[in-house]
Amino acid sequence: MTVKTIDPNGHTWEEVRETLLTPEERAASSLRVAMMVELIKARAEQGISQKKLEELSGVSQPVIARMEKGHTSPQLDTFLKVLAPLGKTLYIGDIPSEALIDPEE
């Protein structure tokens, strides 16, 4: 995969992200992306359209689309409603030590 630059100085998104975002913001962003990717993947694996997921979950298709695009931060109960028909749930577990943010940094 080729890494694309995003500015005239030849910086990549990762380089810009490191400069603009705090470690906490980067961790939150990564978590949102992971959740979005898992939602899209689960829906695709089961062959369920956004419209069908609307019927199964009670969450409107436009909201599901915004969730998948990362254009919204849904309430926890909304996210759980969308996950349930896909046979998924949220899991609370320990954060791997390499992902922990040192508050002294």
PDB file of N, CA and C in Angstrom:
ATOM      1  N   MET A   1       0.839  -1.178   0.000  1.00  0.00           N
ATOM      2  CA  MET A   1       0.000   0.000   0.000  1.00  0.00           C
ATOM      3  C   MET A   1       0.884   1.240   0.000  1.00  0.00           C
ATOM      4  N   THR A   2       0.558   2.196  -0.847  1.00  0.00           N
ATOM      5  CA  THR A   2       1.315   3.430  -0.940  1.00  0.00           C
ATOM      6  C   THR A   2       0.775   4.432   0.076  1.00  0.00           C
ATOM      7  N   VAL A   3       1.687   5.078   0.810  1.00  0.00           N
ATOM      8  CA  VAL A   3       1.283   6.105   1.764  1.00  0.00           C
ATOM      9  C   VAL A   3       1.201   7.419   1.017  1.00  0.00           C
ATOM     10  N   LYS A   4       0.047   8.049   1.066  1.00  0.00           N
ATOM     11  CA  LYS A   4      -0.155   9.304   0.347  1.00  0.00           C
ATOM     12  C   LYS A   4       0.125  10.492   1.250  1.00  0.00           C
ATOM     13  N   THR A   5       0.715  11.507   0.647  1.00  0.00           N
ATOM     14  CA  THR A   5       0.925  12.747   1.384  1.00  0.00           C
ATOM     15  C   THR A   5      -0.346  13.569   1.312  1.00  0.00           C
ATOM     16  N   ILE A   6      -0.545  14.415   2.329  1.00  0.00           N
ATOM     17  CA  ILE A   6      -1.779  15.202   2.358  1.00  0.00           C
ATOM     18  C   ILE A   6      -1.533  16.699   2.378  1.00  0.00           C
ATOM     19  N   ASP A   7      -0.273  17.120   2.361  1.00  0.00           N
ATOM     20  CA  ASP A   7      -0.006  18.549   2.320  1.00  0.00           C
ATOM     21  C   ASP A   7       1.188  18.824   1.414  1.00  0.00           C
ATOM     22  N   PRO A   8       1.395  20.092   1.045  1.00  0.00           N
ATOM     23  CA  PRO A   8       2.480  20.433   0.117  1.00  0.00           C
ATOM     24  C   PRO A   8       3.877  20.104   0.647  1.00  0.00           C
ATOM     25  N   ASN A   9       4.013  19.944   1.952  1.00  0.00           N
ATOM     26  CA  ASN A   9       5.310  19.630   2.537  1.00  0.00           C
ATOM     27  C   ASN A   9       5.606  18.138   2.546  1.00  0.00           C
ATOM     28  N   GLY A  10       4.691  17.336   2.003  1.00  0.00           N
ATOM     29  CA  GLY A  10       4.920  15.902   1.900  1.00  0.00           C
ATOM     30  C   GLY A  10       4.593  15.106   3.138  1.00  0.00           C
ATOM     31  N   HIS A  11       3.824  15.683   4.071  1.00  0.00           N
ATOM     32  CA  HIS A  11       3.455  14.971   5.288  1.00  0.00           C
ATOM     33  C   HIS A  11       2.316  13.993   5.025  1.00  0.00           C
ATOM     34  N   THR A  12       2.352  12.875   5.725  1.00  0.00           N
ATOM     35  CA  THR A  12       1.271  11.897   5.657  1.00  0.00           C
ATOM     36  C   THR A  12       0.228  12.252   6.718  1.00  0.00           C
ATOM     37  N   TRP A  13      -0.939  11.607   6.617  1.00  0.00           N
ATOM     38  CA  TRP A  13      -1.981  11.837   7.626  1.00  0.00           C
ATOM     39  C   TRP A  13      -1.470  11.466   9.010  1.00  0.00           C
ATOM     40  N   GLU A  14      -0.752  10.366   9.132  1.00  0.00           N
ATOM     41  CA  GLU A  14      -0.244   9.940  10.447  1.00  0.00           C
ATOM     42  C   GLU A  14       0.679  10.999  11.043  1.00  0.00           C
ATOM     43  N   GLU A  15       1.523  11.613  10.225  1.00  0.00           N
ATOM     44  CA  GLU A  15       2.424  12.658  10.727  1.00  0.00           C
ATOM     45  C   GLU A  15       1.635  13.880  11.190  1.00  0.00           C
ATOM     46  N   VAL A  16       0.652  14.254  10.416  1.00  0.00           N
ATOM     47  CA  VAL A  16      -0.181  15.408  10.784  1.00  0.00           C
ATOM     48  C   VAL A  16      -0.993  15.086  12.027  1.00  0.00           C
ATOM     49  N   ARG A  17      -1.543  13.879  12.089  1.00  0.00           N
ATOM     50  CA  ARG A  17      -2.343  13.440  13.239  1.00  0.00           C
ATOM     51  C   ARG A  17      -1.525  13.507  14.528  1.00  0.00           C
ATOM     52  N   GLU A  18      -0.266  13.080  14.467  1.00  0.00           N
ATOM     53  CA  GLU A  18       0.615  13.121  15.636  1.00  0.00           C
ATOM     54  C   GLU A  18       0.834  14.556  16.115  1.00  0.00           C
ATOM     55  N   THR A  19       0.862  15.496  15.189  1.00  0.00           N
ATOM     56  CA  THR A  19       1.099  16.897  15.518  1.00  0.00           C
ATOM     57  C   THR A  19      -0.150  17.578  16.070  1.00  0.00           C
ATOM     58  N   LEU A  20      -1.290  17.274  15.475  1.00  0.00           N
ATOM     59  CA  LEU A  20      -2.518  18.001  15.808  1.00  0.00           C
ATOM     60  C   LEU A  20      -3.276  17.452  17.011  1.00  0.00           C
ATOM     61  N   LEU A  21      -3.191  16.147  17.231  1.00  0.00           N
ATOM     62  CA  LEU A  21      -4.014  15.525  18.262  1.00  0.00           C
ATOM     63  C   LEU A  21      -3.184  15.115  19.471  1.00  0.00           C
ATOM     64  N   THR A  22      -3.801  15.224  20.634  1.00  0.00           N
ATOM     65  CA  THR A  22      -3.166  14.753  21.859  1.00  0.00           C
ATOM     66  C   THR A  22      -3.213  13.226  21.865  1.00  0.00           C
ATOM     67  N   PRO A  23      -2.417  12.575  22.704  1.00  0.00           N
ATOM     68  CA  PRO A  23      -2.504  11.111  22.786  1.00  0.00           C
ATOM     69  C   PRO A  23      -3.924  10.626  23.119  1.00  0.00           C
ATOM     70  N   GLU A  24      -4.620  11.357  23.971  1.00  0.00           N
ATOM     71  CA  GLU A  24      -5.987  10.979  24.338  1.00  0.00           C
ATOM     72  C   GLU A  24      -6.919  11.080  23.142  1.00  0.00           C
ATOM     73  N   GLU A  25      -6.758  12.154  22.351  1.00  0.00           N
ATOM     74  CA  GLU A  25      -7.595  12.329  21.164  1.00  0.00           C
ATOM     75  C   GLU A  25      -7.289  11.258  20.120  1.00  0.00           C
ATOM     76  N   ARG A  26      -6.018  10.894  19.972  1.00  0.00           N
ATOM     77  CA  ARG A  26      -5.654   9.836  19.030  1.00  0.00           C
ATOM     78  C   ARG A  26      -6.254   8.504  19.464  1.00  0.00           C
ATOM     79  N   ALA A  27      -6.220   8.217  20.764  1.00  0.00           N
ATOM     80  CA  ALA A  27      -6.794   6.963  21.268  1.00  0.00           C
ATOM     81  C   ALA A  27      -8.302   6.934  21.039  1.00  0.00           C
ATOM     82  N   ALA A  28      -8.979   8.040  21.307  1.00  0.00           N
ATOM     83  CA  ALA A  28     -10.430   8.109  21.109  1.00  0.00           C
ATOM     84  C   ALA A  28     -10.770   7.959  19.630  1.00  0.00           C
ATOM     85  N   SER A  29      -9.992   8.600  18.773  1.00  0.00           N
ATOM     86  CA  SER A  29     -10.209   8.506  17.333  1.00  0.00           C
ATOM     87  C   SER A  29     -10.025   7.068  16.852  1.00  0.00           C
ATOM     88  N   SER A  30      -8.982   6.419  17.323  1.00  0.00           N
ATOM     89  CA  SER A  30      -8.725   5.033  16.928  1.00  0.00           C
ATOM     90  C   SER A  30      -9.857   4.115  17.370  1.00  0.00           C
ATOM     91  N   LEU A  31     -10.380   4.341  18.558  1.00  0.00           N
ATOM     92  CA  LEU A  31     -11.491   3.537  19.058  1.00  0.00           C
ATOM     93  C   LEU A  31     -12.738   3.732  18.198  1.00  0.00           C
ATOM     94  N   ARG A  32     -13.044   4.997  17.857  1.00  0.00           N
ATOM     95  CA  ARG A  32     -14.211   5.266  16.998  1.00  0.00           C
ATOM     96  C   ARG A  32     -14.060   4.575  15.642  1.00  0.00           C
ATOM     97  N   VAL A  33     -12.864   4.650  15.069  1.00  0.00           N
ATOM     98  CA  VAL A  33     -12.626   4.011  13.776  1.00  0.00           C
ATOM     99  C   VAL A  33     -12.795   2.497  13.896  1.00  0.00           C
ATOM    100  N   ALA A  34     -12.252   1.898  14.943  1.00  0.00           N
ATOM    101  CA  ALA A  34     -12.376   0.449  15.136  1.00  0.00           C
ATOM    102  C   ALA A  34     -13.835   0.038  15.271  1.00  0.00           C
ATOM    103  N   MET A  35     -14.620   0.814  16.003  1.00  0.00           N
ATOM    104  CA  MET A  35     -16.042   0.496  16.171  1.00  0.00           C
ATOM    105  C   MET A  35     -16.777   0.595  14.834  1.00  0.00           C
ATOM    106  N   MET A  36     -16.478   1.627  14.062  1.00  0.00           N
ATOM    107  CA  MET A  36     -17.104   1.838  12.768  1.00  0.00           C
ATOM    108  C   MET A  36     -16.756   0.682  11.824  1.00  0.00           C
ATOM    109  N   VAL A  37     -15.485   0.299  11.796  1.00  0.00           N
ATOM    110  CA  VAL A  37     -15.038  -0.783  10.920  1.00  0.00           C
ATOM    111  C   VAL A  37     -15.725  -2.094  11.297  1.00  0.00           C
ATOM    112  N   GLU A  38     -15.825  -2.392  12.582  1.00  0.00           N
ATOM    113  CA  GLU A  38     -16.470  -3.638  13.025  1.00  0.00           C
ATOM    114  C   GLU A  38     -17.956  -3.653  12.666  1.00  0.00           C
ATOM    115  N   LEU A  39     -18.622  -2.512  12.785  1.00  0.00           N
ATOM    116  CA  LEU A  39     -20.034  -2.423  12.424  1.00  0.00           C
ATOM    117  C   LEU A  39     -20.216  -2.712  10.939  1.00  0.00           C
ATOM    118  N   ILE A  40     -19.419  -2.063  10.106  1.00  0.00           N
ATOM    119  CA  ILE A  40     -19.509  -2.256   8.661  1.00  0.00           C
ATOM    120  C   ILE A  40     -19.194  -3.713   8.298  1.00  0.00           C
ATOM    121  N   LYS A  41     -18.152  -4.249   8.900  1.00  0.00           N
ATOM    122  CA  LYS A  41     -17.731  -5.626   8.623  1.00  0.00           C
ATOM    123  C   LYS A  41     -18.820  -6.630   9.009  1.00  0.00           C
ATOM    124  N   ALA A  42     -19.399  -6.467  10.187  1.00  0.00           N
ATOM    125  CA  ALA A  42     -20.441  -7.394  10.650  1.00  0.00           C
ATOM    126  C   ALA A  42     -21.659  -7.348   9.736  1.00  0.00           C
ATOM    127  N   ARG A  43     -22.035  -6.144   9.333  1.00  0.00           N
ATOM    128  CA  ARG A  43     -23.201  -6.002   8.457  1.00  0.00           C
ATOM    129  C   ARG A  43     -22.921  -6.639   7.093  1.00  0.00           C
ATOM    130  N   ALA A  44     -21.721  -6.405   6.562  1.00  0.00           N
ATOM    131  CA  ALA A  44     -21.357  -6.956   5.253  1.00  0.00           C
ATOM    132  C   ALA A  44     -21.266  -8.482   5.303  1.00  0.00           C
ATOM    133  N   GLU A  45     -20.671  -9.019   6.351  1.00  0.00           N
ATOM    134  CA  GLU A  45     -20.533 -10.482   6.480  1.00  0.00           C
ATOM    135  C   GLU A  45     -21.885 -11.176   6.506  1.00  0.00           C
ATOM    136  N   GLN A  46     -22.878 -10.494   7.046  1.00  0.00           N
ATOM    137  CA  GLN A  46     -24.207 -11.101   7.149  1.00  0.00           C
ATOM    138  C   GLN A  46     -25.113 -10.720   5.978  1.00  0.00           C
ATOM    139  N   GLY A  47     -24.596  -9.869   5.085  1.00  0.00           N
ATOM    140  CA  GLY A  47     -25.370  -9.473   3.911  1.00  0.00           C
ATOM    141  C   GLY A  47     -26.592  -8.644   4.249  1.00  0.00           C
ATOM    142  N   ILE A  48     -26.487  -7.851   5.302  1.00  0.00           N
ATOM    143  CA  ILE A  48     -27.616  -7.032   5.744  1.00  0.00           C
ATOM    144  C   ILE A  48     -27.416  -5.598   5.259  1.00  0.00           C
ATOM    145  N   SER A  49     -28.407  -5.072   4.567  1.00  0.00           N
ATOM    146  CA  SER A  49     -28.338  -3.683   4.107  1.00  0.00           C
ATOM    147  C   SER A  49     -28.599  -2.745   5.284  1.00  0.00           C
ATOM    148  N   GLN A  50     -28.262  -1.495   5.102  1.00  0.00           N
ATOM    149  CA  GLN A  50     -28.561  -0.510   6.145  1.00  0.00           C
ATOM    150  C   GLN A  50     -30.068  -0.429   6.371  1.00  0.00           C
ATOM    151  N   LYS A  51     -30.836  -0.537   5.304  1.00  0.00           N
ATOM    152  CA  LYS A  51     -32.298  -0.473   5.424  1.00  0.00           C
ATOM    153  C   LYS A  51     -32.821  -1.659   6.233  1.00  0.00           C
ATOM    154  N   LYS A  52     -32.280  -2.861   5.967  1.00  0.00           N
ATOM    155  CA  LYS A  52     -32.705  -4.048   6.728  1.00  0.00           C
ATOM    156  C   LYS A  52     -32.294  -3.908   8.192  1.00  0.00           C
ATOM    157  N   LEU A  53     -31.090  -3.360   8.434  1.00  0.00           N
ATOM    158  CA  LEU A  53     -30.641  -3.147   9.810  1.00  0.00           C
ATOM    159  C   LEU A  53     -31.543  -2.145  10.522  1.00  0.00           C
ATOM    160  N   GLU A  54     -32.074  -1.177   9.789  1.00  0.00           N
ATOM    161  CA  GLU A  54     -33.044  -0.245  10.360  1.00  0.00           C
ATOM    162  C   GLU A  54     -34.269  -1.015  10.857  1.00  0.00           C
ATOM    163  N   GLU A  55     -34.769  -1.922  10.034  1.00  0.00           N
ATOM    164  CA  GLU A  55     -35.944  -2.715  10.407  1.00  0.00           C
ATOM    165  C   GLU A  55     -35.660  -3.580  11.629  1.00  0.00           C
ATOM    166  N   LEU A  56     -34.476  -4.170  11.677  1.00  0.00           N
ATOM    167  CA  LEU A  56     -34.123  -5.078  12.764  1.00  0.00           C
ATOM    168  C   LEU A  56     -33.804  -4.361  14.077  1.00  0.00           C
ATOM    169  N   SER A  57     -33.251  -3.160  13.975  1.00  0.00           N
ATOM    170  CA  SER A  57     -32.764  -2.469  15.167  1.00  0.00           C
ATOM    171  C   SER A  57     -33.681  -1.353  15.666  1.00  0.00           C
ATOM    172  N   GLY A  58     -34.492  -0.810  14.772  1.00  0.00           N
ATOM    173  CA  GLY A  58     -35.303   0.353  15.150  1.00  0.00           C
ATOM    174  C   GLY A  58     -34.548   1.663  15.056  1.00  0.00           C
ATOM    175  N   VAL A  59     -33.314   1.614  14.571  1.00  0.00           N
ATOM    176  CA  VAL A  59     -32.505   2.824  14.378  1.00  0.00           C
ATOM    177  C   VAL A  59     -32.587   3.177  12.901  1.00  0.00           C
ATOM    178  N   SER A  60     -32.898   4.439  12.589  1.00  0.00           N
ATOM    179  CA  SER A  60     -33.125   4.825  11.197  1.00  0.00           C
ATOM    180  C   SER A  60     -31.881   4.636  10.334  1.00  0.00           C
ATOM    181  N   GLN A  61     -32.129   4.315   9.059  1.00  0.00           N
ATOM    182  CA  GLN A  61     -31.038   4.087   8.105  1.00  0.00           C
ATOM    183  C   GLN A  61     -30.110   5.295   8.004  1.00  0.00           C
ATOM    184  N   PRO A  62     -30.613   6.548   7.965  1.00  0.00           N
ATOM    185  CA  PRO A  62     -29.684   7.680   7.909  1.00  0.00           C
ATOM    186  C   PRO A  62     -28.751   7.751   9.127  1.00  0.00           C
ATOM    187  N   VAL A  63     -29.243   7.365  10.295  1.00  0.00           N
ATOM    188  CA  VAL A  63     -28.391   7.351  11.492  1.00  0.00           C
ATOM    189  C   VAL A  63     -27.332   6.269  11.358  1.00  0.00           C
ATOM    190  N   ILE A  64     -27.723   5.091  10.857  1.00  0.00           N
ATOM    191  CA  ILE A  64     -26.764   4.005  10.644  1.00  0.00           C
ATOM    192  C   ILE A  64     -25.691   4.447   9.655  1.00  0.00           C
ATOM    193  N   ALA A  65     -26.097   5.113   8.582  1.00  0.00           N
ATOM    194  CA  ALA A  65     -25.139   5.596   7.585  1.00  0.00           C
ATOM    195  C   ALA A  65     -24.167   6.593   8.212  1.00  0.00           C
ATOM    196  N   ARG A  66     -24.676   7.509   9.026  1.00  0.00           N
ATOM    197  CA  ARG A  66     -23.800   8.493   9.688  1.00  0.00           C
ATOM    198  C   ARG A  66     -22.848   7.805  10.659  1.00  0.00           C
ATOM    199  N   MET A  67     -23.324   6.771  11.346  1.00  0.00           N
ATOM    200  CA  MET A  67     -22.459   6.010  12.254  1.00  0.00           C
ATOM    201  C   MET A  67     -21.318   5.366  11.469  1.00  0.00           C
ATOM    202  N   GLU A  68     -21.660   4.729  10.349  1.00  0.00           N
ATOM    203  CA  GLU A  68     -20.664   4.021   9.557  1.00  0.00           C
ATOM    204  C   GLU A  68     -19.652   4.973   8.921  1.00  0.00           C
ATOM    205  N   LYS A  69     -20.075   6.178   8.609  1.00  0.00           N
ATOM    206  CA  LYS A  69     -19.168   7.164   8.019  1.00  0.00           C
ATOM    207  C   LYS A  69     -18.372   7.925   9.078  1.00  0.00           C
ATOM    208  N   GLY A  70     -18.738   7.728  10.337  1.00  0.00           N
ATOM    209  CA  GLY A  70     -18.053   8.443  11.400  1.00  0.00           C
ATOM    210  C   GLY A  70     -18.505   9.879  11.542  1.00  0.00           C
ATOM    211  N   HIS A  71     -19.687  10.180  11.032  1.00  0.00           N
ATOM    212  CA  HIS A  71     -20.203  11.540  11.081  1.00  0.00           C
ATOM    213  C   HIS A  71     -21.015  11.821  12.340  1.00  0.00           C
ATOM    214  N   THR A  72     -21.115  10.844  13.202  1.00  0.00           N
ATOM    215  CA  THR A  72     -21.867  11.030  14.440  1.00  0.00           C
ATOM    216  C   THR A  72     -21.239  10.175  15.541  1.00  0.00           C
ATOM    217  N   SER A  73     -21.447  10.600  16.746  1.00  0.00           N
ATOM    218  CA  SER A  73     -21.056   9.802  17.912  1.00  0.00           C
ATOM    219  C   SER A  73     -22.346   9.372  18.593  1.00  0.00           C
ATOM    220  N   PRO A  74     -22.811   8.161  18.272  1.00  0.00           N
ATOM    221  CA  PRO A  74     -24.120   7.746  18.771  1.00  0.00           C
ATOM    222  C   PRO A  74     -24.126   7.513  20.271  1.00  0.00           C
ATOM    223  N   GLN A  75     -25.298   7.657  20.842  1.00  0.00           N
ATOM    224  CA  GLN A  75     -25.489   7.304  22.242  1.00  0.00           C
ATOM    225  C   GLN A  75     -25.223   5.805  22.383  1.00  0.00           C
ATOM    226  N   LEU A  76     -24.811   5.403  23.556  1.00  0.00           N
ATOM    227  CA  LEU A  76     -24.493   3.997  23.805  1.00  0.00           C
ATOM    228  C   LEU A  76     -25.690   3.099  23.497  1.00  0.00           C
ATOM    229  N   ASP A  77     -26.887   3.487  23.932  1.00  0.00           N
ATOM    230  CA  ASP A  77     -28.049   2.628  23.694  1.00  0.00           C
ATOM    231  C   ASP A  77     -28.359   2.499  22.205  1.00  0.00           C
ATOM    232  N   THR A  78     -28.103   3.539  21.430  1.00  0.00           N
ATOM    233  CA  THR A  78     -28.308   3.482  19.981  1.00  0.00           C
ATOM    234  C   THR A  78     -27.330   2.492  19.360  1.00  0.00           C
ATOM    235  N   PHE A  79     -26.068   2.569  19.768  1.00  0.00           N
ATOM    236  CA  PHE A  79     -25.061   1.661  19.230  1.00  0.00           C
ATOM    237  C   PHE A  79     -25.399   0.214  19.583  1.00  0.00           C
ATOM    238  N   LEU A  80     -25.834  -0.015  20.817  1.00  0.00           N
ATOM    239  CA  LEU A  80     -26.205  -1.362  21.240  1.00  0.00           C
ATOM    240  C   LEU A  80     -27.405  -1.891  20.448  1.00  0.00           C
ATOM    241  N   LYS A  81     -28.367  -1.021  20.136  1.00  0.00           N
ATOM    242  CA  LYS A  81     -29.528  -1.434  19.335  1.00  0.00           C
ATOM    243  C   LYS A  81     -29.104  -1.904  17.951  1.00  0.00           C
ATOM    244  N   VAL A  82     -28.094  -1.240  17.378  1.00  0.00           N
ATOM    245  CA  VAL A  82     -27.610  -1.603  16.052  1.00  0.00           C
ATOM    246  C   VAL A  82     -26.792  -2.892  16.110  1.00  0.00           C
ATOM    247  N   LEU A  83     -26.034  -3.072  17.167  1.00  0.00           N
ATOM    248  CA  LEU A  83     -25.186  -4.258  17.285  1.00  0.00           C
ATOM    249  C   LEU A  83     -25.983  -5.539  17.530  1.00  0.00           C
ATOM    250  N   ALA A  84     -27.043  -5.466  18.318  1.00  0.00           N
ATOM    251  CA  ALA A  84     -27.781  -6.664  18.731  1.00  0.00           C
ATOM    252  C   ALA A  84     -28.250  -7.523  17.550  1.00  0.00           C
ATOM    253  N   PRO A  85     -28.899  -6.957  16.516  1.00  0.00           N
ATOM    254  CA  PRO A  85     -29.332  -7.803  15.405  1.00  0.00           C
ATOM    255  C   PRO A  85     -28.176  -8.428  14.623  1.00  0.00           C
ATOM    256  N   LEU A  86     -26.982  -7.876  14.796  1.00  0.00           N
ATOM    257  CA  LEU A  86     -25.797  -8.405  14.126  1.00  0.00           C
ATOM    258  C   LEU A  86     -25.112  -9.471  14.974  1.00  0.00           C
ATOM    259  N   GLY A  87     -25.707  -9.757  16.143  1.00  0.00           N
ATOM    260  CA  GLY A  87     -25.122 -10.746  17.043  1.00  0.00           C
ATOM    261  C   GLY A  87     -23.873 -10.230  17.736  1.00  0.00           C
ATOM    262  N   LYS A  88     -23.772  -8.921  17.887  1.00  0.00           N
ATOM    263  CA  LYS A  88     -22.596  -8.289  18.487  1.00  0.00           C
ATOM    264  C   LYS A  88     -22.988  -7.516  19.739  1.00  0.00           C
ATOM    265  N   THR A  89     -21.992  -7.238  20.564  1.00  0.00           N
ATOM    266  CA  THR A  89     -22.187  -6.392  21.731  1.00  0.00           C
ATOM    267  C   THR A  89     -20.877  -5.665  21.994  1.00  0.00           C
ATOM    268  N   LEU A  90     -20.882  -4.755  22.923  1.00  0.00           N
ATOM    269  CA  LEU A  90     -19.644  -4.100  23.343  1.00  0.00           C
ATOM    270  C   LEU A  90     -19.008  -4.943  24.427  1.00  0.00           C
ATOM    271  N   TYR A  91     -17.706  -4.891  24.500  1.00  0.00           N
ATOM    272  CA  TYR A  91     -16.971  -5.638  25.504  1.00  0.00           C
ATOM    273  C   TYR A  91     -16.109  -4.672  26.292  1.00  0.00           C
ATOM    274  N   ILE A  92     -16.135  -4.778  27.591  1.00  0.00           N
ATOM    275  CA  ILE A  92     -15.275  -3.964  28.438  1.00  0.00           C
ATOM    276  C   ILE A  92     -14.204  -4.880  28.996  1.00  0.00           C
ATOM    277  N   GLY A  93     -12.981  -4.544  28.690  1.00  0.00           N
ATOM    278  CA  GLY A  93     -11.860  -5.369  29.124  1.00  0.00           C
ATOM    279  C   GLY A  93     -10.658  -4.497  29.413  1.00  0.00           C
ATOM    280  N   ASP A  94      -9.595  -5.143  29.761  1.00  0.00           N
ATOM    281  CA  ASP A  94      -8.364  -4.426  30.055  1.00  0.00           C
ATOM    282  C   ASP A  94      -7.760  -3.864  28.775  1.00  0.00           C
ATOM    283  N   ILE A  95      -7.188  -2.681  28.891  1.00  0.00           N
ATOM    284  CA  ILE A  95      -6.483  -2.067  27.776  1.00  0.00           C
ATOM    285  C   ILE A  95      -5.077  -2.647  27.756  1.00  0.00           C
ATOM    286  N   PRO A  96      -4.626  -3.081  26.579  1.00  0.00           N
ATOM    287  CA  PRO A  96      -3.243  -3.590  26.519  1.00  0.00           C
ATOM    288  C   PRO A  96      -2.270  -2.521  27.003  1.00  0.00           C
ATOM    289  N   SER A  97      -1.263  -2.928  27.734  1.00  0.00           N
ATOM    290  CA  SER A  97      -0.350  -1.951  28.351  1.00  0.00           C
ATOM    291  C   SER A  97       0.291  -1.027  27.331  1.00  0.00           C
ATOM    292  N   GLU A  98       0.574  -1.509  26.123  1.00  0.00           N
ATOM    293  CA  GLU A  98       1.200  -0.644  25.122  1.00  0.00           C
ATOM    294  C   GLU A  98       0.252   0.452  24.622  1.00  0.00           C
ATOM    295  N   ALA A  99      -1.045   0.291  24.868  1.00  0.00           N
ATOM    296  CA  ALA A  99      -2.009   1.293  24.446  1.00  0.00           C
ATOM    297  C   ALA A  99      -2.312   2.316  25.531  1.00  0.00           C
ATOM    298  N   LEU A 100      -1.847   2.069  26.735  1.00  0.00           N
ATOM    299  CA  LEU A 100      -2.114   2.993  27.834  1.00  0.00           C
ATOM    300  C   LEU A 100      -1.380   4.299  27.616  1.00  0.00           C
ATOM    301  N   ILE A 101      -2.018   5.376  28.010  1.00  0.00           N
ATOM    302  CA  ILE A 101      -1.446   6.708  27.876  1.00  0.00           C
ATOM    303  C   ILE A 101      -0.888   7.120  29.221  1.00  0.00           C
ATOM    304  N   ASP A 102       0.366   7.515  29.242  1.00  0.00           N
ATOM    305  CA  ASP A 102       1.000   7.972  30.471  1.00  0.00           C
ATOM    306  C   ASP A 102       0.595   9.409  30.743  1.00  0.00           C
ATOM    307  N   PRO A 103      -0.161   9.681  31.815  1.00  0.00           N
ATOM    308  CA  PRO A 103      -0.624  11.037  32.093  1.00  0.00           C
ATOM    309  C   PRO A 103       0.515  11.994  32.411  1.00  0.00           C
ATOM    310  N   GLU A 104       1.703  11.477  32.679  1.00  0.00           N
ATOM    311  CA  GLU A 104       2.862  12.335  32.980  1.00  0.00           C
ATOM    312  C   GLU A 104       3.545  12.834  31.733  1.00  0.00           C
ATOM    313  N   GLU A 105       3.178  12.299  30.554  1.00  0.00           N
ATOM    314  CA  GLU A 105       3.836  12.721  29.306  1.00  0.00           C
ATOM    315  C   GLU A 105       3.375  14.074  28.882  1.00  0.00           C
TER     316      GLU A 105
END
